[in-house]
Amino acid sequence: MLCHPYWCGHTIRDYEQLNGYFAIEVYNDTCMSLCGKGFAEQAWDDVLDRLGPVVGIAADDAHGTEHDCFHAWVVVKAPELTIDGIMNAFRTGAFYSTLGPEIVDLDLVDDDQEQKITVKCSPAESIVFKGQANRGRRIVAPKGETLTEAEYTVPSGTKYVRVEITDEEGKKAWSNPFFF
């Protein structure tokens, strides 16, 4: 896994020669609490745009229990609560990362005409569909309201789309990408 890229000051050049990793740390709570460099969405998108498929993981990276525990975690979709079940979910990307918001349902709907990504979530201020370079769509709730679902029609030629949920407190959840 590519750990805390923002905190380390890593760029895409640092990752070009690497192989064998399956994930990048999209959020690290220790890095956030120490110096405010916990979020690494751009590093994730850079790897996705330029190097290929990789999933994102949010972690506490707990070095103690005073400030960097119980703020970031992954939710796995595993058929059974076993090491093999959980590791298989990690290997196949059957999980999402969160600071609190829930992704209740995430689906790729594929008919003959088009592909759509649909998401249902806990109440959110915004739902963003992020693809390579300038592809994607941001949906913001009207003032005083929240969103609990959205959909995005995937444009032809898209490499990937991932979903980012932000709640009213600014806490985020990240789906793993759909790859096309």
N, C-alpha and C. Protein backbone atom coordinates (compact mmCIF):
# COMPACT_ATOMS: atom_id res chain seq x y z
N MET A 1 0.84 -1.17 0.00
CA MET A 1 0.00 0.00 0.00
C MET A 1 0.89 1.24 0.00
N LEU A 2 0.46 2.26 -0.73
CA LEU A 2 1.16 3.54 -0.74
C LEU A 2 0.61 4.36 0.43
N CYS A 3 1.41 4.49 1.48
CA CYS A 3 0.93 5.12 2.71
C CYS A 3 1.20 6.61 2.75
N HIS A 4 0.27 7.35 3.34
CA HIS A 4 0.29 8.79 3.59
C HIS A 4 1.12 9.59 2.57
N PRO A 5 0.68 9.61 1.30
CA PRO A 5 1.46 10.28 0.26
C PRO A 5 1.60 11.78 0.46
N TYR A 6 0.58 12.45 0.93
CA TYR A 6 0.66 13.91 1.11
C TYR A 6 1.65 14.24 2.21
N TRP A 7 1.53 13.57 3.34
CA TRP A 7 2.42 13.79 4.47
C TRP A 7 3.88 13.55 4.09
N CYS A 8 4.13 12.51 3.28
CA CYS A 8 5.50 12.18 2.85
C CYS A 8 6.01 13.10 1.75
N GLY A 9 5.11 13.84 1.13
CA GLY A 9 5.53 14.70 0.02
C GLY A 9 5.73 13.94 -1.28
N HIS A 10 5.15 12.75 -1.39
CA HIS A 10 5.30 11.95 -2.60
C HIS A 10 4.52 12.55 -3.77
N THR A 11 5.04 12.34 -4.94
CA THR A 11 4.35 12.73 -6.17
C THR A 11 4.25 11.51 -7.07
N ILE A 12 3.60 11.70 -8.19
CA ILE A 12 3.44 10.61 -9.15
C ILE A 12 4.80 10.06 -9.59
N ARG A 13 5.81 10.88 -9.64
CA ARG A 13 7.16 10.41 -10.03
C ARG A 13 7.70 9.37 -9.06
N ASP A 14 7.33 9.51 -7.78
CA ASP A 14 7.79 8.54 -6.79
C ASP A 14 7.15 7.17 -7.00
N TYR A 15 5.99 7.14 -7.61
CA TYR A 15 5.23 5.90 -7.78
C TYR A 15 5.42 5.24 -9.14
N GLU A 16 5.97 5.95 -10.10
CA GLU A 16 6.08 5.42 -11.47
C GLU A 16 6.83 4.10 -11.56
N GLN A 17 7.85 3.91 -10.75
CA GLN A 17 8.67 2.70 -10.83
C GLN A 17 8.21 1.59 -9.89
N LEU A 18 7.19 1.87 -9.09
CA LEU A 18 6.72 0.88 -8.13
C LEU A 18 5.70 -0.07 -8.75
N ASN A 19 5.63 -1.27 -8.21
CA ASN A 19 4.58 -2.21 -8.62
C ASN A 19 4.28 -3.12 -7.44
N GLY A 20 3.18 -3.84 -7.55
CA GLY A 20 2.83 -4.79 -6.51
C GLY A 20 1.95 -4.23 -5.41
N TYR A 21 1.66 -2.95 -5.43
CA TYR A 21 0.75 -2.38 -4.43
C TYR A 21 -0.67 -2.46 -4.95
N PHE A 22 -1.64 -2.50 -4.04
CA PHE A 22 -3.03 -2.58 -4.46
C PHE A 22 -3.83 -1.36 -4.02
N ALA A 23 -3.26 -0.56 -3.09
CA ALA A 23 -4.03 0.54 -2.52
C ALA A 23 -3.16 1.75 -2.27
N ILE A 24 -3.84 2.89 -2.13
CA ILE A 24 -3.21 4.12 -1.70
C ILE A 24 -4.03 4.64 -0.52
N GLU A 25 -3.35 5.25 0.42
CA GLU A 25 -4.04 5.77 1.59
C GLU A 25 -4.64 7.13 1.25
N VAL A 26 -5.95 7.16 1.11
CA VAL A 26 -6.65 8.38 0.74
C VAL A 26 -6.81 9.31 1.94
N TYR A 27 -6.76 8.74 3.14
CA TYR A 27 -6.82 9.55 4.36
C TYR A 27 -6.05 8.84 5.47
N ASN A 28 -5.26 9.62 6.23
CA ASN A 28 -4.52 9.09 7.37
C ASN A 28 -4.75 10.05 8.54
N ASP A 29 -5.38 9.55 9.60
CA ASP A 29 -5.76 10.40 10.72
C ASP A 29 -4.57 10.94 11.50
N THR A 30 -3.52 10.14 11.68
CA THR A 30 -2.34 10.63 12.38
C THR A 30 -1.73 11.81 11.64
N CYS A 31 -1.61 11.69 10.32
CA CYS A 31 -1.06 12.79 9.52
C CYS A 31 -1.94 14.03 9.61
N MET A 32 -3.25 13.83 9.67
CA MET A 32 -4.17 14.96 9.79
C MET A 32 -3.99 15.65 11.13
N SER A 33 -3.90 14.86 12.20
CA SER A 33 -3.80 15.46 13.53
C SER A 33 -2.43 16.09 13.78
N LEU A 34 -1.38 15.57 13.17
CA LEU A 34 -0.04 16.11 13.41
C LEU A 34 0.22 17.40 12.64
N CYS A 35 -0.14 17.41 11.34
CA CYS A 35 0.23 18.58 10.54
C CYS A 35 -0.80 18.97 9.49
N GLY A 36 -1.99 18.36 9.54
CA GLY A 36 -3.04 18.74 8.59
C GLY A 36 -2.87 18.19 7.20
N LYS A 37 -2.01 17.19 7.02
CA LYS A 37 -1.78 16.61 5.70
C LYS A 37 -2.30 15.18 5.64
N GLY A 38 -3.57 15.01 5.99
CA GLY A 38 -4.15 13.68 6.05
C GLY A 38 -4.86 13.23 4.79
N PHE A 39 -5.40 14.18 4.01
CA PHE A 39 -6.16 13.83 2.81
C PHE A 39 -5.22 13.69 1.60
N ALA A 40 -5.46 12.66 0.78
CA ALA A 40 -4.60 12.43 -0.39
C ALA A 40 -5.43 12.06 -1.61
N GLU A 41 -6.59 12.71 -1.79
CA GLU A 41 -7.43 12.41 -2.95
C GLU A 41 -6.72 12.69 -4.27
N GLN A 42 -5.98 13.80 -4.33
CA GLN A 42 -5.30 14.13 -5.58
C GLN A 42 -4.23 13.09 -5.92
N ALA A 43 -3.51 12.61 -4.91
CA ALA A 43 -2.51 11.57 -5.17
C ALA A 43 -3.19 10.32 -5.71
N TRP A 44 -4.35 9.97 -5.15
CA TRP A 44 -5.10 8.81 -5.63
C TRP A 44 -5.51 9.01 -7.08
N ASP A 45 -6.07 10.16 -7.38
CA ASP A 45 -6.49 10.42 -8.76
C ASP A 45 -5.30 10.45 -9.71
N ASP A 46 -4.16 11.00 -9.27
CA ASP A 46 -2.97 11.00 -10.13
C ASP A 46 -2.56 9.57 -10.49
N VAL A 47 -2.55 8.68 -9.49
CA VAL A 47 -2.19 7.28 -9.76
C VAL A 47 -3.22 6.66 -10.70
N LEU A 48 -4.50 6.89 -10.43
CA LEU A 48 -5.55 6.33 -11.29
C LEU A 48 -5.43 6.87 -12.73
N ASP A 49 -5.19 8.16 -12.86
CA ASP A 49 -5.10 8.79 -14.18
C ASP A 49 -3.89 8.32 -14.98
N ARG A 50 -2.76 8.16 -14.30
CA ARG A 50 -1.50 7.96 -15.02
C ARG A 50 -0.91 6.55 -14.95
N LEU A 51 -1.25 5.82 -13.87
CA LEU A 51 -0.59 4.54 -13.67
C LEU A 51 -1.53 3.34 -13.70
N GLY A 52 -2.80 3.55 -13.40
CA GLY A 52 -3.73 2.43 -13.48
C GLY A 52 -4.49 2.16 -12.20
N PRO A 53 -5.22 1.06 -12.21
CA PRO A 53 -6.15 0.75 -11.11
C PRO A 53 -5.47 0.63 -9.75
N VAL A 54 -6.09 1.27 -8.76
CA VAL A 54 -5.67 1.16 -7.36
C VAL A 54 -6.88 1.57 -6.52
N VAL A 55 -7.06 0.91 -5.39
CA VAL A 55 -8.16 1.25 -4.49
C VAL A 55 -7.66 2.23 -3.43
N GLY A 56 -8.61 2.83 -2.70
CA GLY A 56 -8.27 3.81 -1.67
C GLY A 56 -8.65 3.31 -0.29
N ILE A 57 -7.81 3.63 0.68
CA ILE A 57 -8.04 3.20 2.06
C ILE A 57 -7.90 4.40 2.99
N ALA A 58 -8.83 4.54 3.92
CA ALA A 58 -8.74 5.53 5.00
C ALA A 58 -8.33 4.78 6.26
N ALA A 59 -7.43 5.39 7.04
CA ALA A 59 -6.93 4.69 8.23
C ALA A 59 -6.66 5.67 9.36
N ASP A 60 -6.81 5.17 10.58
CA ASP A 60 -6.42 5.94 11.75
C ASP A 60 -4.91 6.02 11.86
N ASP A 61 -4.21 4.94 11.53
CA ASP A 61 -2.76 4.85 11.70
C ASP A 61 -2.40 5.13 13.16
N ALA A 62 -3.20 4.57 14.04
CA ALA A 62 -3.18 4.90 15.46
C ALA A 62 -1.81 4.68 16.10
N HIS A 63 -1.19 5.77 16.49
CA HIS A 63 0.06 5.73 17.25
C HIS A 63 -0.21 5.93 18.73
N GLY A 64 -1.46 6.12 19.07
CA GLY A 64 -1.88 6.32 20.45
C GLY A 64 -3.39 6.37 20.48
N THR A 65 -3.95 6.59 21.64
CA THR A 65 -5.41 6.64 21.72
C THR A 65 -5.93 8.03 22.03
N GLU A 66 -5.05 9.01 22.14
CA GLU A 66 -5.48 10.35 22.52
C GLU A 66 -6.07 11.14 21.35
N HIS A 67 -5.49 11.02 20.18
CA HIS A 67 -5.92 11.90 19.09
C HIS A 67 -6.15 11.22 17.75
N ASP A 68 -5.69 10.04 17.55
CA ASP A 68 -5.76 9.47 16.20
C ASP A 68 -6.37 8.07 16.17
N CYS A 69 -7.44 7.89 16.91
CA CYS A 69 -8.16 6.62 16.91
C CYS A 69 -9.65 6.85 16.66
N PHE A 70 -10.24 5.92 15.96
CA PHE A 70 -11.69 5.88 15.77
C PHE A 70 -12.21 7.04 14.92
N HIS A 71 -11.42 7.50 13.96
CA HIS A 71 -11.85 8.58 13.08
C HIS A 71 -11.96 8.14 11.62
N ALA A 72 -11.26 7.08 11.23
CA ALA A 72 -11.27 6.63 9.84
C ALA A 72 -11.23 5.11 9.82
N TRP A 73 -12.00 4.53 8.89
CA TRP A 73 -12.05 3.07 8.82
C TRP A 73 -12.57 2.64 7.45
N VAL A 74 -12.50 1.34 7.21
CA VAL A 74 -13.06 0.75 6.00
C VAL A 74 -14.25 -0.12 6.38
N VAL A 75 -15.21 -0.17 5.48
CA VAL A 75 -16.38 -1.03 5.64
C VAL A 75 -16.28 -2.07 4.53
N VAL A 76 -16.15 -3.34 4.91
CA VAL A 76 -15.97 -4.39 3.91
C VAL A 76 -17.29 -5.10 3.64
N LYS A 77 -17.42 -5.57 2.41
CA LYS A 77 -18.54 -6.42 2.03
C LYS A 77 -17.98 -7.83 1.87
N ALA A 78 -18.09 -8.59 2.96
CA ALA A 78 -17.53 -9.94 2.97
C ALA A 78 -18.63 -10.93 3.31
N PRO A 79 -18.63 -12.10 2.67
CA PRO A 79 -19.67 -13.09 2.95
C PRO A 79 -19.57 -13.67 4.35
N GLU A 80 -18.38 -13.58 4.96
CA GLU A 80 -18.19 -14.11 6.30
C GLU A 80 -17.10 -13.32 7.01
N LEU A 81 -17.21 -13.24 8.33
CA LEU A 81 -16.26 -12.49 9.13
C LEU A 81 -15.07 -13.39 9.48
N THR A 82 -14.22 -13.59 8.45
CA THR A 82 -13.02 -14.40 8.61
C THR A 82 -11.86 -13.63 7.97
N ILE A 83 -10.66 -14.03 8.28
CA ILE A 83 -9.49 -13.39 7.66
C ILE A 83 -9.56 -13.53 6.15
N ASP A 84 -9.88 -14.73 5.66
CA ASP A 84 -9.97 -14.94 4.21
C ASP A 84 -11.07 -14.08 3.59
N GLY A 85 -12.23 -14.00 4.25
CA GLY A 85 -13.34 -13.20 3.73
C GLY A 85 -12.98 -11.72 3.65
N ILE A 86 -12.36 -11.21 4.70
CA ILE A 86 -11.98 -9.80 4.73
C ILE A 86 -10.85 -9.53 3.75
N MET A 87 -9.85 -10.37 3.68
CA MET A 87 -8.74 -10.16 2.75
C MET A 87 -9.22 -10.23 1.30
N ASN A 88 -10.16 -11.12 1.02
CA ASN A 88 -10.72 -11.19 -0.33
C ASN A 88 -11.45 -9.90 -0.68
N ALA A 89 -12.17 -9.32 0.29
CA ALA A 89 -12.84 -8.04 0.05
C ALA A 89 -11.82 -6.95 -0.26
N PHE A 90 -10.70 -6.94 0.46
CA PHE A 90 -9.65 -5.96 0.15
C PHE A 90 -9.08 -6.19 -1.25
N ARG A 91 -8.78 -7.45 -1.58
CA ARG A 91 -8.18 -7.75 -2.89
C ARG A 91 -9.10 -7.39 -4.05
N THR A 92 -10.41 -7.52 -3.85
CA THR A 92 -11.36 -7.27 -4.94
C THR A 92 -11.98 -5.87 -4.89
N GLY A 93 -11.58 -5.08 -3.90
CA GLY A 93 -12.13 -3.73 -3.78
C GLY A 93 -13.55 -3.68 -3.26
N ALA A 94 -13.99 -4.74 -2.60
CA ALA A 94 -15.36 -4.80 -2.07
C ALA A 94 -15.43 -4.14 -0.70
N PHE A 95 -15.10 -2.87 -0.66
CA PHE A 95 -15.13 -2.09 0.57
C PHE A 95 -15.16 -0.61 0.20
N TYR A 96 -15.49 0.19 1.19
CA TYR A 96 -15.34 1.63 1.02
C TYR A 96 -14.68 2.19 2.28
N SER A 97 -14.12 3.37 2.15
CA SER A 97 -13.44 4.02 3.27
C SER A 97 -14.27 5.20 3.74
N THR A 98 -14.20 5.49 5.04
CA THR A 98 -15.06 6.54 5.56
C THR A 98 -14.51 7.19 6.83
N LEU A 99 -14.93 8.42 7.02
CA LEU A 99 -14.72 9.14 8.27
C LEU A 99 -16.04 9.21 9.04
N GLY A 100 -17.07 8.56 8.50
CA GLY A 100 -18.38 8.54 9.14
C GLY A 100 -19.55 8.32 8.21
N PRO A 101 -19.62 9.04 7.07
CA PRO A 101 -20.76 8.82 6.17
C PRO A 101 -20.84 7.37 5.69
N GLU A 102 -22.06 6.92 5.48
CA GLU A 102 -22.29 5.55 5.03
C GLU A 102 -22.68 5.52 3.56
N ILE A 103 -22.13 4.57 2.84
CA ILE A 103 -22.59 4.26 1.49
C ILE A 103 -23.49 3.04 1.64
N VAL A 104 -24.78 3.26 1.48
CA VAL A 104 -25.78 2.22 1.70
C VAL A 104 -25.86 1.28 0.51
N ASP A 105 -25.76 1.84 -0.70
CA ASP A 105 -25.83 1.04 -1.92
C ASP A 105 -25.05 1.75 -3.01
N LEU A 106 -24.31 0.98 -3.78
CA LEU A 106 -23.53 1.52 -4.89
C LEU A 106 -23.61 0.51 -6.01
N ASP A 107 -24.01 0.97 -7.19
CA ASP A 107 -24.25 0.02 -8.27
C ASP A 107 -23.88 0.62 -9.61
N LEU A 108 -23.42 -0.23 -10.50
CA LEU A 108 -23.21 0.12 -11.90
C LEU A 108 -24.34 -0.50 -12.69
N VAL A 109 -25.17 0.35 -13.27
CA VAL A 109 -26.30 -0.10 -14.07
C VAL A 109 -25.87 -0.02 -15.53
N ASP A 110 -25.89 -1.16 -16.19
CA ASP A 110 -25.40 -1.24 -17.56
C ASP A 110 -26.52 -1.76 -18.46
N ASP A 111 -27.07 -0.85 -19.28
CA ASP A 111 -28.05 -1.31 -20.27
C ASP A 111 -27.46 -1.10 -21.66
N ASP A 112 -28.19 -1.38 -22.67
CA ASP A 112 -27.66 -1.29 -24.04
C ASP A 112 -27.32 0.15 -24.44
N GLN A 113 -27.99 1.11 -23.84
CA GLN A 113 -27.84 2.51 -24.22
C GLN A 113 -26.68 3.21 -23.50
N GLU A 114 -26.54 2.95 -22.19
CA GLU A 114 -25.56 3.70 -21.40
C GLU A 114 -25.24 2.96 -20.10
N GLN A 115 -24.21 3.46 -19.42
CA GLN A 115 -23.84 2.97 -18.10
C GLN A 115 -24.07 4.09 -17.10
N LYS A 116 -24.68 3.75 -15.98
CA LYS A 116 -24.93 4.71 -14.92
C LYS A 116 -24.41 4.16 -13.60
N ILE A 117 -23.88 5.05 -12.79
CA ILE A 117 -23.52 4.68 -11.43
C ILE A 117 -24.57 5.31 -10.52
N THR A 118 -25.15 4.48 -9.66
CA THR A 118 -26.13 4.97 -8.70
C THR A 118 -25.57 4.76 -7.29
N VAL A 119 -25.86 5.72 -6.42
CA VAL A 119 -25.40 5.62 -5.05
C VAL A 119 -26.51 6.07 -4.11
N LYS A 120 -26.62 5.36 -3.00
CA LYS A 120 -27.50 5.75 -1.89
C LYS A 120 -26.60 5.84 -0.67
N CYS A 121 -26.84 6.86 0.16
CA CYS A 121 -25.94 7.11 1.27
C CYS A 121 -26.66 7.74 2.45
N SER A 122 -25.96 7.84 3.56
CA SER A 122 -26.49 8.59 4.70
C SER A 122 -26.58 10.06 4.26
N PRO A 123 -27.33 10.89 5.00
CA PRO A 123 -27.51 12.29 4.58
C PRO A 123 -26.17 12.99 4.30
N ALA A 124 -26.10 13.62 3.13
CA ALA A 124 -24.87 14.23 2.66
C ALA A 124 -25.11 15.65 2.16
N GLU A 125 -24.07 16.45 2.30
CA GLU A 125 -24.07 17.80 1.74
C GLU A 125 -23.76 17.74 0.25
N SER A 126 -22.86 16.82 -0.13
CA SER A 126 -22.53 16.68 -1.55
C SER A 126 -22.19 15.23 -1.89
N ILE A 127 -22.44 14.89 -3.14
CA ILE A 127 -22.05 13.60 -3.71
C ILE A 127 -21.30 13.93 -4.98
N VAL A 128 -20.07 13.44 -5.07
CA VAL A 128 -19.23 13.75 -6.22
C VAL A 128 -18.83 12.45 -6.91
N PHE A 129 -19.01 12.42 -8.22
CA PHE A 129 -18.55 11.32 -9.07
C PHE A 129 -17.27 11.82 -9.72
N LYS A 130 -16.14 11.17 -9.43
CA LYS A 130 -14.85 11.63 -9.93
C LYS A 130 -14.28 10.63 -10.92
N GLY A 131 -13.89 11.14 -12.09
CA GLY A 131 -13.25 10.34 -13.11
C GLY A 131 -11.93 10.98 -13.50
N GLN A 132 -11.27 10.43 -14.51
CA GLN A 132 -9.96 10.94 -14.88
C GLN A 132 -10.05 12.37 -15.40
N ALA A 133 -8.98 13.11 -15.14
CA ALA A 133 -8.82 14.51 -15.56
C ALA A 133 -10.06 15.32 -15.18
N ASN A 134 -10.76 15.85 -16.17
CA ASN A 134 -11.90 16.74 -15.88
C ASN A 134 -13.25 16.02 -15.92
N ARG A 135 -13.25 14.72 -15.91
CA ARG A 135 -14.52 13.98 -15.95
C ARG A 135 -15.13 13.86 -14.57
N GLY A 136 -16.44 13.95 -14.51
CA GLY A 136 -17.13 13.77 -13.25
C GLY A 136 -18.29 14.73 -13.11
N ARG A 137 -18.86 14.70 -11.92
CA ARG A 137 -20.02 15.55 -11.63
C ARG A 137 -20.14 15.72 -10.12
N ARG A 138 -20.40 16.95 -9.70
CA ARG A 138 -20.61 17.26 -8.28
C ARG A 138 -22.06 17.68 -8.09
N ILE A 139 -22.72 17.04 -7.13
CA ILE A 139 -24.11 17.35 -6.82
C ILE A 139 -24.13 17.86 -5.38
N VAL A 140 -24.68 19.06 -5.19
CA VAL A 140 -24.72 19.69 -3.88
C VAL A 140 -26.17 19.84 -3.46
N ALA A 141 -26.44 19.53 -2.21
CA ALA A 141 -27.79 19.66 -1.66
C ALA A 141 -28.16 21.14 -1.57
N PRO A 142 -29.42 21.46 -1.83
CA PRO A 142 -29.88 22.84 -1.60
C PRO A 142 -29.66 23.23 -0.13
N LYS A 143 -29.46 24.51 0.11
CA LYS A 143 -29.21 25.01 1.47
C LYS A 143 -30.31 24.52 2.42
N GLY A 144 -29.88 23.96 3.55
CA GLY A 144 -30.81 23.46 4.55
C GLY A 144 -31.33 22.06 4.29
N GLU A 145 -30.91 21.44 3.19
CA GLU A 145 -31.33 20.08 2.85
C GLU A 145 -30.12 19.17 2.74
N THR A 146 -30.38 17.88 2.60
CA THR A 146 -29.32 16.90 2.39
C THR A 146 -29.69 15.99 1.23
N LEU A 147 -28.70 15.29 0.72
CA LEU A 147 -28.88 14.30 -0.34
C LEU A 147 -28.75 12.91 0.27
N THR A 148 -29.48 11.95 -0.26
CA THR A 148 -29.30 10.56 0.15
C THR A 148 -29.12 9.64 -1.06
N GLU A 149 -29.15 10.19 -2.26
CA GLU A 149 -28.91 9.38 -3.45
C GLU A 149 -28.58 10.28 -4.63
N ALA A 150 -27.91 9.69 -5.61
CA ALA A 150 -27.58 10.39 -6.84
C ALA A 150 -27.21 9.35 -7.89
N GLU A 151 -27.18 9.81 -9.14
CA GLU A 151 -26.74 8.94 -10.24
C GLU A 151 -25.91 9.75 -11.21
N TYR A 152 -25.08 9.03 -11.95
CA TYR A 152 -24.17 9.65 -12.89
C TYR A 152 -24.10 8.78 -14.13
N THR A 153 -24.33 9.39 -15.28
CA THR A 153 -24.18 8.68 -16.54
C THR A 153 -22.72 8.74 -16.95
N VAL A 154 -22.12 7.59 -17.14
CA VAL A 154 -20.69 7.50 -17.44
C VAL A 154 -20.45 7.82 -18.91
N PRO A 155 -19.67 8.88 -19.18
CA PRO A 155 -19.38 9.21 -20.58
C PRO A 155 -18.52 8.14 -21.26
N SER A 156 -18.70 8.01 -22.53
CA SER A 156 -17.90 7.09 -23.33
C SER A 156 -16.42 7.44 -23.18
N GLY A 157 -15.57 6.44 -23.10
CA GLY A 157 -14.13 6.65 -23.02
C GLY A 157 -13.61 6.88 -21.61
N THR A 158 -14.47 6.79 -20.62
CA THR A 158 -14.07 6.99 -19.23
C THR A 158 -13.24 5.80 -18.74
N LYS A 159 -12.13 6.07 -18.04
CA LYS A 159 -11.27 5.02 -17.49
C LYS A 159 -11.78 4.50 -16.16
N TYR A 160 -12.25 5.41 -15.31
CA TYR A 160 -12.71 5.04 -13.98
C TYR A 160 -13.66 6.11 -13.45
N VAL A 161 -14.47 5.72 -12.48
CA VAL A 161 -15.29 6.66 -11.71
C VAL A 161 -15.33 6.15 -10.28
N ARG A 162 -15.07 7.06 -9.35
CA ARG A 162 -15.21 6.76 -7.93
C ARG A 162 -16.17 7.78 -7.34
N VAL A 163 -16.76 7.46 -6.20
CA VAL A 163 -17.75 8.33 -5.58
C VAL A 163 -17.21 8.84 -4.25
N GLU A 164 -17.41 10.13 -4.01
CA GLU A 164 -16.98 10.76 -2.77
C GLU A 164 -18.19 11.44 -2.13
N ILE A 165 -18.50 11.07 -0.90
CA ILE A 165 -19.63 11.60 -0.15
C ILE A 165 -19.08 12.53 0.93
N THR A 166 -19.67 13.71 1.09
CA THR A 166 -19.30 14.62 2.18
C THR A 166 -20.56 14.98 2.95
N ASP A 167 -20.52 14.77 4.27
CA ASP A 167 -21.69 15.09 5.08
C ASP A 167 -21.64 16.55 5.54
N GLU A 168 -22.63 16.96 6.32
CA GLU A 168 -22.74 18.35 6.76
C GLU A 168 -21.62 18.77 7.71
N GLU A 169 -20.94 17.82 8.33
CA GLU A 169 -19.81 18.12 9.21
C GLU A 169 -18.48 18.14 8.46
N GLY A 170 -18.52 17.89 7.14
CA GLY A 170 -17.31 17.85 6.34
C GLY A 170 -16.61 16.50 6.34
N LYS A 171 -17.23 15.51 6.97
CA LYS A 171 -16.65 14.16 6.98
C LYS A 171 -16.94 13.49 5.65
N LYS A 172 -15.99 12.66 5.20
CA LYS A 172 -16.08 12.07 3.87
C LYS A 172 -16.15 10.55 3.90
N ALA A 173 -16.66 10.01 2.79
CA ALA A 173 -16.59 8.58 2.49
C ALA A 173 -16.18 8.47 1.03
N TRP A 174 -15.38 7.45 0.72
CA TRP A 174 -14.88 7.24 -0.63
C TRP A 174 -15.18 5.83 -1.08
N SER A 175 -15.85 5.70 -2.23
CA SER A 175 -16.00 4.37 -2.83
C SER A 175 -14.72 4.03 -3.55
N ASN A 176 -14.54 2.76 -3.83
CA ASN A 176 -13.47 2.40 -4.75
C ASN A 176 -13.98 2.61 -6.17
N PRO A 177 -13.06 2.79 -7.10
CA PRO A 177 -13.48 3.10 -8.46
C PRO A 177 -14.13 1.91 -9.17
N PHE A 178 -15.04 2.26 -10.07
CA PHE A 178 -15.46 1.34 -11.12
C PHE A 178 -14.46 1.57 -12.24
N PHE A 179 -13.91 0.50 -12.80
CA PHE A 179 -12.94 0.62 -13.89
C PHE A 179 -13.59 0.22 -15.20
N PHE A 180 -13.34 1.00 -16.25
CA PHE A 180 -13.95 0.75 -17.56
C PHE A 180 -12.88 0.49 -18.60
